[in-house]
Full PDB file with SEQRES, HELIX, SHEET, SSBOND, CRYST1, ORIGX, SCALE, CONECT and MASTER records, all heavy atoms in Angstrom:
SEQRES   1 A   31  THR TYR PHE GLY THR SER ALA PRO PHE LEU LEU ALA CYS          
SEQRES   2 A   31  ARG LYS ASP GLY LEU VAL PRO ARG GLU ILE ALA ASP LEU          
SEQRES   3 A   31  SER ALA LEU ARG GLY                                          
HELIX    1 AA1 ALA A    7  LYS A   15  1                                   9    
HELIX    2 AA2 PRO A   20  ILE A   23  1                                   4    
CRYST1    1.000    1.000    1.000  90.00  90.00  90.00 P 1           1          
ORIGX1      1.000000  0.000000  0.000000        0.00000                         
ORIGX2      0.000000  1.000000  0.000000        0.00000                         
ORIGX3      0.000000  0.000000  1.000000        0.00000                         
SCALE1      1.000000  0.000000  0.000000        0.00000                         
SCALE2      0.000000  1.000000  0.000000        0.00000                         
SCALE3      0.000000  0.000000  1.000000        0.00000                         
ATOM      1  N   THR A   1       8.396  -7.928  -3.677  1.00  0.00           N  
ATOM      2  CA  THR A   1       9.437  -7.014  -3.186  1.00  0.00           C  
ATOM      3  C   THR A   1       9.290  -5.618  -3.788  1.00  0.00           C  
ATOM      4  O   THR A   1       9.803  -4.648  -3.229  1.00  0.00           O  
ATOM      5  CB  THR A   1      10.840  -7.550  -3.499  1.00  0.00           C  
ATOM      6  OG1 THR A   1      10.988  -7.681  -4.927  1.00  0.00           O  
ATOM      7  CG2 THR A   1      11.076  -8.898  -2.847  1.00  0.00           C  
ATOM      8  N   TYR A   2       8.616  -5.519  -4.951  1.00  0.00           N  
ATOM      9  CA  TYR A   2       8.376  -4.213  -5.562  1.00  0.00           C  
ATOM     10  C   TYR A   2       6.916  -4.141  -5.968  1.00  0.00           C  
ATOM     11  O   TYR A   2       6.444  -4.945  -6.784  1.00  0.00           O  
ATOM     12  CB  TYR A   2       9.278  -3.984  -6.781  1.00  0.00           C  
ATOM     13  CG  TYR A   2       9.371  -2.526  -7.167  1.00  0.00           C  
ATOM     14  CD1 TYR A   2      10.473  -1.771  -6.810  1.00  0.00           C  
ATOM     15  CD2 TYR A   2       8.342  -1.902  -7.863  1.00  0.00           C  
ATOM     16  CE1 TYR A   2      10.557  -0.414  -7.135  1.00  0.00           C  
ATOM     17  CE2 TYR A   2       8.403  -0.558  -8.185  1.00  0.00           C  
ATOM     18  CZ  TYR A   2       9.517   0.176  -7.822  1.00  0.00           C  
ATOM     19  OH  TYR A   2       9.587   1.517  -8.128  1.00  0.00           O  
ATOM     20  N   PHE A   3       6.197  -3.164  -5.394  1.00  0.00           N  
ATOM     21  CA  PHE A   3       4.750  -3.027  -5.585  1.00  0.00           C  
ATOM     22  C   PHE A   3       4.479  -1.779  -6.408  1.00  0.00           C  
ATOM     23  O   PHE A   3       4.682  -0.659  -5.942  1.00  0.00           O  
ATOM     24  CB  PHE A   3       4.076  -2.919  -4.219  1.00  0.00           C  
ATOM     25  CG  PHE A   3       2.570  -2.820  -4.246  1.00  0.00           C  
ATOM     26  CD1 PHE A   3       1.795  -3.955  -4.041  1.00  0.00           C  
ATOM     27  CD2 PHE A   3       1.928  -1.607  -4.428  1.00  0.00           C  
ATOM     28  CE1 PHE A   3       0.402  -3.871  -4.032  1.00  0.00           C  
ATOM     29  CE2 PHE A   3       0.542  -1.509  -4.432  1.00  0.00           C  
ATOM     30  CZ  PHE A   3      -0.223  -2.649  -4.237  1.00  0.00           C  
ATOM     31  N   GLY A   4       4.045  -1.958  -7.653  1.00  0.00           N  
ATOM     32  CA  GLY A   4       3.744  -0.831  -8.518  1.00  0.00           C  
ATOM     33  C   GLY A   4       2.249  -0.672  -8.706  1.00  0.00           C  
ATOM     34  O   GLY A   4       1.497  -1.643  -8.794  1.00  0.00           O  
ATOM     35  N   THR A   5       1.803   0.574  -8.765  1.00  0.00           N  
ATOM     36  CA  THR A   5       0.385   0.842  -8.925  1.00  0.00           C  
ATOM     37  C   THR A   5       0.222   2.253  -9.481  1.00  0.00           C  
ATOM     38  O   THR A   5       1.178   2.864  -9.968  1.00  0.00           O  
ATOM     39  CB  THR A   5      -0.361   0.669  -7.588  1.00  0.00           C  
ATOM     40  OG1 THR A   5      -1.764   0.830  -7.795  1.00  0.00           O  
ATOM     41  CG2 THR A   5       0.120   1.663  -6.544  1.00  0.00           C  
ATOM     42  N   SER A   6      -0.980   2.783  -9.414  1.00  0.00           N  
ATOM     43  CA  SER A   6      -1.246   4.137  -9.894  1.00  0.00           C  
ATOM     44  C   SER A   6      -1.375   5.091  -8.717  1.00  0.00           C  
ATOM     45  O   SER A   6      -1.736   4.693  -7.608  1.00  0.00           O  
ATOM     46  CB  SER A   6      -2.533   4.171 -10.717  1.00  0.00           C  
ATOM     47  OG  SER A   6      -3.648   3.886  -9.884  1.00  0.00           O  
ATOM     48  N   ALA A   7      -1.124   6.366  -8.985  1.00  0.00           N  
ATOM     49  CA  ALA A   7      -1.311   7.373  -7.946  1.00  0.00           C  
ATOM     50  C   ALA A   7      -2.764   7.413  -7.453  1.00  0.00           C  
ATOM     51  O   ALA A   7      -2.998   7.501  -6.240  1.00  0.00           O  
ATOM     52  CB  ALA A   7      -0.865   8.736  -8.460  1.00  0.00           C  
ATOM     53  N   PRO A   8      -3.770   7.339  -8.340  1.00  0.00           N  
ATOM     54  CA  PRO A   8      -5.145   7.334  -7.832  1.00  0.00           C  
ATOM     55  C   PRO A   8      -5.435   6.181  -6.875  1.00  0.00           C  
ATOM     56  O   PRO A   8      -6.213   6.346  -5.926  1.00  0.00           O  
ATOM     57  CB  PRO A   8      -5.993   7.231  -9.105  1.00  0.00           C  
ATOM     58  CG  PRO A   8      -5.157   7.889 -10.151  1.00  0.00           C  
ATOM     59  CD  PRO A   8      -3.740   7.494  -9.817  1.00  0.00           C  
ATOM     60  N   PHE A   9      -4.833   5.002  -7.091  1.00  0.00           N  
ATOM     61  CA  PHE A   9      -5.051   3.893  -6.171  1.00  0.00           C  
ATOM     62  C   PHE A   9      -4.472   4.207  -4.789  1.00  0.00           C  
ATOM     63  O   PHE A   9      -5.114   3.969  -3.760  1.00  0.00           O  
ATOM     64  CB  PHE A   9      -4.430   2.608  -6.721  1.00  0.00           C  
ATOM     65  CG  PHE A   9      -4.541   1.442  -5.767  1.00  0.00           C  
ATOM     66  CD1 PHE A   9      -5.728   0.744  -5.636  1.00  0.00           C  
ATOM     67  CD2 PHE A   9      -3.456   1.049  -4.987  1.00  0.00           C  
ATOM     68  CE1 PHE A   9      -5.837  -0.321  -4.747  1.00  0.00           C  
ATOM     69  CE2 PHE A   9      -3.552  -0.006  -4.096  1.00  0.00           C  
ATOM     70  CZ  PHE A   9      -4.754  -0.691  -3.977  1.00  0.00           C  
ATOM     71  N   LEU A  10      -3.258   4.741  -4.756  1.00  0.00           N  
ATOM     72  CA  LEU A  10      -2.649   5.086  -3.466  1.00  0.00           C  
ATOM     73  C   LEU A  10      -3.476   6.146  -2.744  1.00  0.00           C  
ATOM     74  O   LEU A  10      -3.683   6.062  -1.522  1.00  0.00           O  
ATOM     75  CB  LEU A  10      -1.218   5.580  -3.676  1.00  0.00           C  
ATOM     76  CG  LEU A  10      -0.221   4.557  -4.231  1.00  0.00           C  
ATOM     77  CD1 LEU A  10       1.126   5.218  -4.488  1.00  0.00           C  
ATOM     78  CD2 LEU A  10      -0.061   3.369  -3.286  1.00  0.00           C  
ATOM     79  N   LEU A  11      -3.968   7.123  -3.483  1.00  0.00           N  
ATOM     80  CA  LEU A  11      -4.767   8.177  -2.859  1.00  0.00           C  
ATOM     81  C   LEU A  11      -6.115   7.634  -2.381  1.00  0.00           C  
ATOM     82  O   LEU A  11      -6.641   8.084  -1.351  1.00  0.00           O  
ATOM     83  CB  LEU A  11      -4.965   9.324  -3.844  1.00  0.00           C  
ATOM     84  CG  LEU A  11      -3.684  10.091  -4.207  1.00  0.00           C  
ATOM     85  CD1 LEU A  11      -3.957  11.099  -5.307  1.00  0.00           C  
ATOM     86  CD2 LEU A  11      -3.088  10.772  -2.978  1.00  0.00           C  
ATOM     87  N   ALA A  12      -6.673   6.684  -3.104  1.00  0.00           N  
ATOM     88  CA  ALA A  12      -7.925   6.065  -2.657  1.00  0.00           C  
ATOM     89  C   ALA A  12      -7.710   5.308  -1.354  1.00  0.00           C  
ATOM     90  O   ALA A  12      -8.553   5.357  -0.444  1.00  0.00           O  
ATOM     91  CB  ALA A  12      -8.473   5.137  -3.739  1.00  0.00           C  
ATOM     92  N   CYS A  13      -6.587   4.593  -1.258  1.00  0.00           N  
ATOM     93  CA  CYS A  13      -6.272   3.886  -0.010  1.00  0.00           C  
ATOM     94  C   CYS A  13      -6.134   4.877   1.145  1.00  0.00           C  
ATOM     95  O   CYS A  13      -6.613   4.633   2.264  1.00  0.00           O  
ATOM     96  CB  CYS A  13      -4.980   3.090  -0.168  1.00  0.00           C  
ATOM     97  SG  CYS A  13      -5.101   1.662  -1.271  1.00  0.00           S  
ATOM     98  N   ARG A  14      -5.453   5.977   0.876  1.00  0.00           N  
ATOM     99  CA  ARG A  14      -5.284   7.003   1.909  1.00  0.00           C  
ATOM    100  C   ARG A  14      -6.635   7.547   2.353  1.00  0.00           C  
ATOM    101  O   ARG A  14      -6.906   7.677   3.561  1.00  0.00           O  
ATOM    102  CB  ARG A  14      -4.412   8.130   1.375  1.00  0.00           C  
ATOM    103  CG  ARG A  14      -4.313   9.348   2.278  1.00  0.00           C  
ATOM    104  CD  ARG A  14      -3.488  10.460   1.626  1.00  0.00           C  
ATOM    105  NE  ARG A  14      -3.489  11.650   2.452  1.00  0.00           N  
ATOM    106  CZ  ARG A  14      -4.372  12.636   2.356  1.00  0.00           C  
ATOM    107  NH1 ARG A  14      -5.343  12.538   1.458  1.00  0.00           N  
ATOM    108  NH2 ARG A  14      -4.299  13.697   3.146  1.00  0.00           N  
ATOM    109  N   LYS A  15      -7.476   7.875   1.380  1.00  0.00           N  
ATOM    110  CA  LYS A  15      -8.776   8.461   1.695  1.00  0.00           C  
ATOM    111  C   LYS A  15      -9.660   7.493   2.464  1.00  0.00           C  
ATOM    112  O   LYS A  15     -10.481   7.894   3.291  1.00  0.00           O  
ATOM    113  CB  LYS A  15      -9.458   8.901   0.404  1.00  0.00           C  
ATOM    114  CG  LYS A  15     -10.599   9.883   0.607  1.00  0.00           C  
ATOM    115  CD  LYS A  15     -10.946  10.571  -0.694  1.00  0.00           C  
ATOM    116  CE  LYS A  15     -11.906  11.733  -0.449  1.00  0.00           C  
ATOM    117  NZ  LYS A  15     -12.164  12.497  -1.677  1.00  0.00           N  
ATOM    118  N   ASP A  16      -9.468   6.203   2.211  1.00  0.00           N  
ATOM    119  CA  ASP A  16     -10.246   5.167   2.892  1.00  0.00           C  
ATOM    120  C   ASP A  16      -9.736   4.880   4.303  1.00  0.00           C  
ATOM    121  O   ASP A  16     -10.339   4.093   5.025  1.00  0.00           O  
ATOM    122  CB  ASP A  16     -10.215   3.881   2.046  1.00  0.00           C  
ATOM    123  CG  ASP A  16     -11.337   2.922   2.398  1.00  0.00           C  
ATOM    124  OD1 ASP A  16     -12.493   3.370   2.439  1.00  0.00           O  
ATOM    125  OD2 ASP A  16     -11.046   1.735   2.634  1.00  0.00           O  
ATOM    126  N   GLY A  17      -8.615   5.497   4.675  1.00  0.00           N  
ATOM    127  CA  GLY A  17      -8.047   5.254   6.000  1.00  0.00           C  
ATOM    128  C   GLY A  17      -7.318   3.936   6.111  1.00  0.00           C  
ATOM    129  O   GLY A  17      -7.059   3.455   7.227  1.00  0.00           O  
ATOM    130  N   LEU A  18      -6.944   3.339   4.998  1.00  0.00           N  
ATOM    131  CA  LEU A  18      -6.289   2.037   5.002  1.00  0.00           C  
ATOM    132  C   LEU A  18      -4.846   2.159   5.502  1.00  0.00           C  
ATOM    133  O   LEU A  18      -4.139   3.101   5.152  1.00  0.00           O  
ATOM    134  CB  LEU A  18      -6.304   1.460   3.594  1.00  0.00           C  
ATOM    135  CG  LEU A  18      -5.825   0.005   3.432  1.00  0.00           C  
ATOM    136  CD1 LEU A  18      -6.825  -0.945   4.058  1.00  0.00           C  
ATOM    137  CD2 LEU A  18      -5.640  -0.330   1.952  1.00  0.00           C  
ATOM    138  N   VAL A  19      -4.436   1.194   6.297  1.00  0.00           N  
ATOM    139  CA  VAL A  19      -3.045   1.097   6.754  1.00  0.00           C  
ATOM    140  C   VAL A  19      -2.544  -0.287   6.343  1.00  0.00           C  
ATOM    141  O   VAL A  19      -2.682  -1.256   7.090  1.00  0.00           O  
ATOM    142  CB  VAL A  19      -2.921   1.304   8.268  1.00  0.00           C  
ATOM    143  CG1 VAL A  19      -1.450   1.263   8.696  1.00  0.00           C  
ATOM    144  CG2 VAL A  19      -3.550   2.632   8.685  1.00  0.00           C  
ATOM    145  N   PRO A  20      -1.988  -0.427   5.143  1.00  0.00           N  
ATOM    146  CA  PRO A  20      -1.622  -1.756   4.631  1.00  0.00           C  
ATOM    147  C   PRO A  20      -0.699  -2.544   5.552  1.00  0.00           C  
ATOM    148  O   PRO A  20      -0.843  -3.768   5.664  1.00  0.00           O  
ATOM    149  CB  PRO A  20      -0.939  -1.432   3.299  1.00  0.00           C  
ATOM    150  CG  PRO A  20      -1.572  -0.168   2.855  1.00  0.00           C  
ATOM    151  CD  PRO A  20      -1.772   0.618   4.109  1.00  0.00           C  
ATOM    152  N   ARG A  21       0.246  -1.896   6.214  1.00  0.00           N  
ATOM    153  CA  ARG A  21       1.185  -2.643   7.064  1.00  0.00           C  
ATOM    154  C   ARG A  21       0.484  -3.277   8.266  1.00  0.00           C  
ATOM    155  O   ARG A  21       1.051  -4.177   8.901  1.00  0.00           O  
ATOM    156  CB  ARG A  21       2.316  -1.734   7.536  1.00  0.00           C  
ATOM    157  CG  ARG A  21       1.880  -0.511   8.318  1.00  0.00           C  
ATOM    158  CD  ARG A  21       3.075   0.332   8.746  1.00  0.00           C  
ATOM    159  NE  ARG A  21       2.681   1.610   9.306  1.00  0.00           N  
ATOM    160  CZ  ARG A  21       2.212   1.787  10.531  1.00  0.00           C  
ATOM    161  NH1 ARG A  21       2.083   0.741  11.340  1.00  0.00           N  
ATOM    162  NH2 ARG A  21       1.860   2.986  10.957  1.00  0.00           N  
ATOM    163  N   GLU A  22      -0.755  -2.841   8.557  1.00  0.00           N  
ATOM    164  CA  GLU A  22      -1.494  -3.431   9.672  1.00  0.00           C  
ATOM    165  C   GLU A  22      -2.357  -4.611   9.229  1.00  0.00           C  
ATOM    166  O   GLU A  22      -2.798  -5.396  10.077  1.00  0.00           O  
ATOM    167  CB  GLU A  22      -2.370  -2.376  10.342  1.00  0.00           C  
ATOM    168  CG  GLU A  22      -1.578  -1.276  11.046  1.00  0.00           C  
ATOM    169  CD  GLU A  22      -2.482  -0.263  11.730  1.00  0.00           C  
ATOM    170  OE1 GLU A  22      -3.724  -0.360  11.565  1.00  0.00           O  
ATOM    171  OE2 GLU A  22      -1.954   0.626  12.420  1.00  0.00           O  
ATOM    172  N   ILE A  23      -2.617  -4.733   7.931  1.00  0.00           N  
ATOM    173  CA  ILE A  23      -3.488  -5.818   7.460  1.00  0.00           C  
ATOM    174  C   ILE A  23      -2.731  -6.882   6.687  1.00  0.00           C  
ATOM    175  O   ILE A  23      -3.299  -7.919   6.341  1.00  0.00           O  
ATOM    176  CB  ILE A  23      -4.635  -5.276   6.580  1.00  0.00           C  
ATOM    177  CG1 ILE A  23      -4.083  -4.672   5.282  1.00  0.00           C  
ATOM    178  CG2 ILE A  23      -5.478  -4.257   7.337  1.00  0.00           C  
ATOM    179  CD1 ILE A  23      -5.136  -4.427   4.224  1.00  0.00           C  
ATOM    180  N   ALA A  24      -1.448  -6.633   6.382  1.00  0.00           N  
ATOM    181  CA  ALA A  24      -0.679  -7.583   5.578  1.00  0.00           C  
ATOM    182  C   ALA A  24       0.780  -7.543   5.998  1.00  0.00           C  
ATOM    183  O   ALA A  24       1.293  -6.494   6.412  1.00  0.00           O  
ATOM    184  CB  ALA A  24      -0.808  -7.252   4.086  1.00  0.00           C  
ATOM    185  N   ASP A  25       1.434  -8.687   5.893  1.00  0.00           N  
ATOM    186  CA  ASP A  25       2.864  -8.776   6.193  1.00  0.00           C  
ATOM    187  C   ASP A  25       3.641  -8.297   4.972  1.00  0.00           C  
ATOM    188  O   ASP A  25       3.801  -9.024   4.001  1.00  0.00           O  
ATOM    189  CB  ASP A  25       3.232 -10.222   6.536  1.00  0.00           C  
ATOM    190  CG  ASP A  25       4.730 -10.386   6.801  1.00  0.00           C  
ATOM    191  OD1 ASP A  25       5.457  -9.372   6.824  1.00  0.00           O  
ATOM    192  OD2 ASP A  25       5.173 -11.548   6.971  1.00  0.00           O  
ATOM    193  N   LEU A  26       4.128  -7.062   5.041  1.00  0.00           N  
ATOM    194  CA  LEU A  26       4.844  -6.459   3.920  1.00  0.00           C  
ATOM    195  C   LEU A  26       6.347  -6.419   4.183  1.00  0.00           C  
ATOM    196  O   LEU A  26       7.057  -5.564   3.641  1.00  0.00           O  
ATOM    197  CB  LEU A  26       4.309  -5.051   3.662  1.00  0.00           C  
ATOM    198  CG  LEU A  26       2.807  -4.957   3.323  1.00  0.00           C  
ATOM    199  CD1 LEU A  26       2.389  -3.506   3.138  1.00  0.00           C  
ATOM    200  CD2 LEU A  26       2.472  -5.774   2.079  1.00  0.00           C  
ATOM    201  N   SER A  27       6.825  -7.358   4.975  1.00  0.00           N  
ATOM    202  CA  SER A  27       8.240  -7.342   5.345  1.00  0.00           C  
ATOM    203  C   SER A  27       9.161  -7.564   4.150  1.00  0.00           C  
ATOM    204  O   SER A  27      10.326  -7.153   4.174  1.00  0.00           O  
ATOM    205  CB  SER A  27       8.515  -8.401   6.417  1.00  0.00           C  
ATOM    206  OG  SER A  27       8.099  -9.689   5.978  1.00  0.00           O  
ATOM    207  N   ALA A  28       8.663  -8.216   3.094  1.00  0.00           N  
ATOM    208  CA  ALA A  28       9.502  -8.433   1.900  1.00  0.00           C  
ATOM    209  C   ALA A  28       9.569  -7.198   1.016  1.00  0.00           C  
ATOM    210  O   ALA A  28      10.442  -7.092   0.153  1.00  0.00           O  
ATOM    211  CB  ALA A  28       8.963  -9.616   1.097  1.00  0.00           C  
ATOM    212  N   LEU A  29       8.659  -6.249   1.210  1.00  0.00           N  
ATOM    213  CA  LEU A  29       8.536  -5.111   0.312  1.00  0.00           C  
ATOM    214  C   LEU A  29       9.649  -4.098   0.548  1.00  0.00           C  
ATOM    215  O   LEU A  29       9.863  -3.639   1.669  1.00  0.00           O  
ATOM    216  CB  LEU A  29       7.178  -4.436   0.541  1.00  0.00           C  
ATOM    217  CG  LEU A  29       6.741  -3.388  -0.482  1.00  0.00           C  
ATOM    218  CD1 LEU A  29       6.524  -4.017  -1.842  1.00  0.00           C  
ATOM    219  CD2 LEU A  29       5.453  -2.709  -0.006  1.00  0.00           C  
ATOM    220  N   ARG A  30      10.348  -3.743  -0.528  1.00  0.00           N  
ATOM    221  CA  ARG A  30      11.394  -2.724  -0.401  1.00  0.00           C  
ATOM    222  C   ARG A  30      11.255  -1.595  -1.412  1.00  0.00           C  
ATOM    223  O   ARG A  30      11.982  -0.604  -1.345  1.00  0.00           O  
ATOM    224  CB  ARG A  30      12.777  -3.351  -0.517  1.00  0.00           C  
ATOM    225  CG  ARG A  30      13.073  -4.080  -1.808  1.00  0.00           C  
ATOM    226  CD  ARG A  30      14.413  -4.812  -1.760  1.00  0.00           C  
ATOM    227  NE  ARG A  30      14.775  -5.352  -3.058  1.00  0.00           N  
ATOM    228  CZ  ARG A  30      15.389  -4.666  -4.015  1.00  0.00           C  
ATOM    229  NH1 ARG A  30      15.732  -3.415  -3.802  1.00  0.00           N  
ATOM    230  NH2 ARG A  30      15.685  -5.220  -5.170  1.00  0.00           N  
ATOM    231  N   GLY A  31      10.302  -1.709  -2.339  1.00  0.00           N  
ATOM    232  CA  GLY A  31      10.079  -0.650  -3.314  1.00  0.00           C  
ATOM    233  C   GLY A  31       8.613  -0.494  -3.642  1.00  0.00           C  
ATOM    234  O   GLY A  31       7.875  -1.479  -3.705  1.00  0.00           O  
TER     235      GLY A  31                                                      
MASTER        0    0    0    2    0    0    0    6  234    1    0    3          
END                                                                             
């Protein structure tokens, strides 16, 4: 329900063109 990580990881995902909501069911995630 709460996913914590680093800013560089989020930026790497962005740069890679990743769309997490399309590859995983994140319906439980709220933070």
